[in-house]
Amino acid sequence: MGGEESAVVVVARLMELAARTAPKGKGTDVLVTRILTGDELGTLARAMREFGEQKGYSFFLRDAANIEESDACLLIGVKGKVHPGLNCGGCGHATCDEMLAARGTSPGEGSPFSGPNCVIRMADIGIALGSAVKTASIHNVDNRIMYSGGVGALNLGWLEDSTVAYAVPLKASGKNIFFDRTH
């Protein structure tokens, strides 16, 4: 691994730290993170291609190529069934207990994320992702938040107890590989 690639891994660790320390509903940490390098990037890309081909989603194939070209990738998942007990109704159910009772009834078969999910936890993952990519930006590492990479990670079982996940691939190069993409 070269100097720039090693630096990207350091930034990935700092991004993981930023996600971990980001504010969370009622102060409960429900994030699951993992940093990928080397062969793990190819494994994730294969899982993304498989899902994309099954569903006819060409953007999964494009994103998989980006993952393979990356120096590292931060995965961030959230335990969306862990609720703060606020009974806010944001999940579409009157109470947190009703949300938990509805688990597995939605979404349909073959959907990549399992639900319903606590809306507070969905905000938690959004804030964590924002904190992570801000950190990458501060350190001038190109990145992109990818739904498709999160789906691949969940299909591989890499983020235990996560109901929703995203991937943030990272690359240090003269041209940002995550923009001006072909499909």
Protein backbone atom coordinates (compact mmCIF):
# COMPACT_ATOMS: atom_id res chain seq x y z
CA MET A 1 0.00 0.00 0.00
CA GLY A 2 1.38 3.36 -1.04
CA GLY A 3 1.57 6.55 1.01
CA GLU A 4 -1.62 8.08 -0.36
CA GLU A 5 -3.57 4.86 0.12
CA SER A 6 -2.27 4.57 3.70
CA ALA A 7 -3.38 8.15 4.33
CA VAL A 8 -6.85 7.30 3.01
CA VAL A 9 -7.12 4.48 5.56
CA VAL A 10 -6.19 6.93 8.32
CA VAL A 11 -8.92 9.28 7.09
CA ALA A 12 -11.38 6.35 7.04
CA ARG A 13 -10.60 5.79 10.72
CA LEU A 14 -11.15 9.48 11.43
CA MET A 15 -14.46 9.29 9.55
CA GLU A 16 -15.46 6.30 11.65
CA LEU A 17 -14.63 8.35 14.75
CA ALA A 18 -16.69 11.29 13.45
CA ALA A 19 -19.67 9.00 12.85
CA ARG A 20 -19.32 7.39 16.27
CA THR A 21 -19.19 10.72 18.11
CA ALA A 22 -21.98 12.38 16.08
CA PRO A 23 -25.09 13.28 18.09
CA LYS A 24 -27.63 10.49 18.50
CA GLY A 25 -31.24 10.40 19.69
CA LYS A 26 -31.39 10.13 23.48
CA GLY A 27 -27.62 9.62 23.43
CA THR A 28 -27.90 5.96 22.44
CA ASP A 29 -25.26 4.68 20.02
CA VAL A 30 -26.93 2.34 17.54
CA LEU A 31 -24.33 2.52 14.75
CA VAL A 32 -22.38 -0.39 13.31
CA THR A 33 -19.28 0.51 11.28
CA ARG A 34 -16.62 -1.30 9.31
CA ILE A 35 -13.68 -0.16 7.19
CA LEU A 36 -12.92 -2.13 4.03
CA THR A 37 -9.61 -2.30 2.18
CA GLY A 38 -7.92 -4.66 -0.27
CA ASP A 39 -9.84 -7.79 -1.27
CA GLU A 40 -12.88 -6.79 0.79
CA LEU A 41 -13.57 -4.05 -1.74
CA GLY A 42 -13.83 -6.66 -4.50
CA THR A 43 -16.11 -8.82 -2.36
CA LEU A 44 -18.45 -5.88 -1.78
CA ALA A 45 -18.40 -4.98 -5.49
CA ARG A 46 -19.38 -8.54 -6.42
CA ALA A 47 -22.32 -8.48 -3.99
CA MET A 48 -23.44 -5.16 -5.44
CA ARG A 49 -23.24 -6.47 -9.01
CA GLU A 50 -25.21 -9.59 -8.07
CA PHE A 51 -28.03 -7.55 -6.52
CA GLY A 52 -27.99 -5.03 -9.37
CA GLU A 53 -28.24 -7.77 -11.98
CA GLN A 54 -31.08 -9.50 -10.09
CA LYS A 55 -33.08 -6.27 -9.82
CA GLY A 56 -32.08 -4.71 -13.14
CA TYR A 57 -30.44 -1.73 -11.40
CA SER A 58 -27.59 -0.62 -13.65
CA PHE A 59 -26.41 1.99 -11.13
CA PHE A 60 -25.35 -0.87 -8.83
CA LEU A 61 -22.94 -2.04 -11.55
CA ARG A 62 -21.56 1.48 -12.00
CA ASP A 63 -21.17 1.92 -8.24
CA ALA A 64 -19.48 -1.49 -7.93
CA ALA A 65 -16.82 -0.33 -10.38
CA ASN A 66 -16.22 2.72 -8.17
CA ILE A 67 -15.89 0.50 -5.09
CA GLU A 68 -13.26 -1.62 -6.86
CA GLU A 69 -11.27 1.51 -7.77
CA SER A 70 -11.41 2.88 -4.22
CA ASP A 71 -8.58 2.89 -1.71
CA ALA A 72 -10.89 2.16 1.22
CA CYS A 73 -14.58 2.19 2.10
CA LEU A 74 -16.40 3.03 5.30
CA LEU A 75 -19.63 1.15 5.94
CA ILE A 76 -22.16 2.67 8.32
CA GLY A 77 -25.22 0.74 9.42
CA VAL A 78 -27.86 1.46 12.03
CA LYS A 79 -29.92 -0.75 14.31
CA GLY A 80 -33.24 0.75 13.21
CA LYS A 81 -35.39 -1.41 15.45
CA VAL A 82 -33.75 0.00 18.60
CA HIS A 83 -36.11 2.78 19.58
CA PRO A 84 -35.86 5.54 22.19
CA GLY A 85 -39.37 4.93 23.54
CA LEU A 86 -40.73 8.31 22.48
CA ASN A 87 -43.88 7.02 20.71
CA CYS A 88 -43.45 9.86 18.20
CA GLY A 89 -45.25 8.11 15.32
CA GLY A 90 -42.57 9.05 12.81
CA CYS A 91 -42.22 5.41 11.75
CA GLY A 92 -45.90 5.27 10.78
CA HIS A 93 -47.04 3.50 13.94
CA ALA A 94 -48.66 5.05 17.00
CA THR A 95 -46.20 3.53 19.45
CA CYS A 96 -42.69 2.09 19.48
CA ASP A 97 -44.13 -1.26 20.54
CA GLU A 98 -46.44 -1.27 17.49
CA MET A 99 -43.43 -0.56 15.27
CA LEU A 100 -41.60 -3.55 16.78
CA ALA A 101 -44.68 -5.77 16.34
CA ALA A 102 -44.81 -4.78 12.66
CA ARG A 103 -41.19 -5.87 12.05
CA GLY A 104 -40.92 -8.21 9.10
CA THR A 105 -44.24 -7.15 7.59
CA SER A 106 -42.60 -4.40 5.54
CA PRO A 107 -40.91 -4.01 3.14
CA GLY A 108 -41.70 -6.83 0.76
CA GLU A 109 -39.71 -9.92 -0.06
CA GLY A 110 -36.34 -9.14 -1.60
CA SER A 111 -36.21 -5.57 -0.29
CA PRO A 112 -32.70 -4.65 0.78
CA PHE A 113 -33.62 -2.88 4.04
CA SER A 114 -35.83 -4.34 6.74
CA GLY A 115 -38.47 -2.23 8.38
CA PRO A 116 -40.27 -0.44 9.73
CA ASN A 117 -37.46 1.59 11.27
CA CYS A 118 -37.40 4.15 14.03
CA VAL A 119 -37.31 7.59 12.41
CA ILE A 120 -35.01 8.83 15.18
CA ARG A 121 -32.50 6.11 14.20
CA MET A 122 -32.78 7.07 10.55
CA ALA A 123 -31.87 10.62 11.55
CA ASP A 124 -28.96 9.19 13.58
CA ILE A 125 -27.47 7.46 10.53
CA GLY A 126 -27.96 10.59 8.42
CA ILE A 127 -26.13 12.76 10.93
CA ALA A 128 -23.37 10.15 11.24
CA LEU A 129 -22.94 10.00 7.46
CA GLY A 130 -22.78 13.78 7.24
CA SER A 131 -20.14 13.91 9.98
CA ALA A 132 -18.11 11.20 8.24
CA VAL A 133 -18.10 12.80 4.78
CA LYS A 134 -17.34 16.20 6.30
CA THR A 135 -14.23 14.62 7.78
CA ALA A 136 -13.25 13.16 4.40
CA SER A 137 -13.73 16.56 2.81
CA ILE A 138 -11.59 18.31 5.42
CA HIS A 139 -8.80 15.88 4.52
CA ASN A 140 -9.32 16.24 0.75
CA VAL A 141 -10.30 12.62 0.18
CA ASP A 142 -12.85 12.08 -2.60
CA ASN A 143 -15.94 10.19 -1.49
CA ARG A 144 -19.57 9.47 -2.23
CA ILE A 145 -22.37 8.11 -0.08
CA MET A 146 -23.74 4.98 -1.76
CA TYR A 147 -27.05 3.30 -1.04
CA SER A 148 -25.94 0.45 -3.32
CA GLY A 149 -22.84 -0.28 -1.24
CA GLY A 150 -24.93 -0.43 1.92
CA VAL A 151 -27.24 -2.95 0.27
CA GLY A 152 -24.24 -5.07 -0.74
CA ALA A 153 -22.83 -4.94 2.81
CA LEU A 154 -26.15 -6.03 4.31
CA ASN A 155 -26.45 -8.86 1.80
CA LEU A 156 -23.00 -10.03 2.90
CA GLY A 157 -24.06 -9.91 6.56
CA TRP A 158 -21.22 -7.52 7.39
CA LEU A 159 -23.12 -5.15 9.69
CA GLU A 160 -24.68 -7.20 12.46
CA ASP A 161 -28.21 -6.18 13.50
CA SER A 162 -28.26 -3.28 11.01
CA THR A 163 -31.55 -2.68 9.24
CA VAL A 164 -30.27 0.13 6.99
CA ALA A 165 -26.73 0.80 5.79
CA TYR A 166 -24.70 2.96 3.44
CA ALA A 167 -21.18 2.76 2.05
CA VAL A 168 -18.76 5.64 1.68
CA PRO A 169 -15.96 4.68 -0.72
CA LEU A 170 -12.80 6.77 -0.60
CA LYS A 171 -10.17 7.58 -3.19
CA ALA A 172 -7.12 9.81 -3.45
CA SER A 173 -6.35 10.56 -7.10
CA GLY A 174 -5.90 13.43 -9.50
CA LYS A 175 -9.53 13.15 -10.68
CA ASN A 176 -12.56 12.38 -8.54
CA ILE A 177 -13.75 8.93 -9.69
CA PHE A 178 -17.20 9.42 -8.13
CA PHE A 179 -18.32 12.16 -10.55
CA ASP A 180 -18.73 12.29 -14.31
CA ARG A 181 -19.75 8.63 -14.18
CA THR A 182 -21.16 7.00 -17.31
CA HIS A 183 -24.49 5.45 -16.24
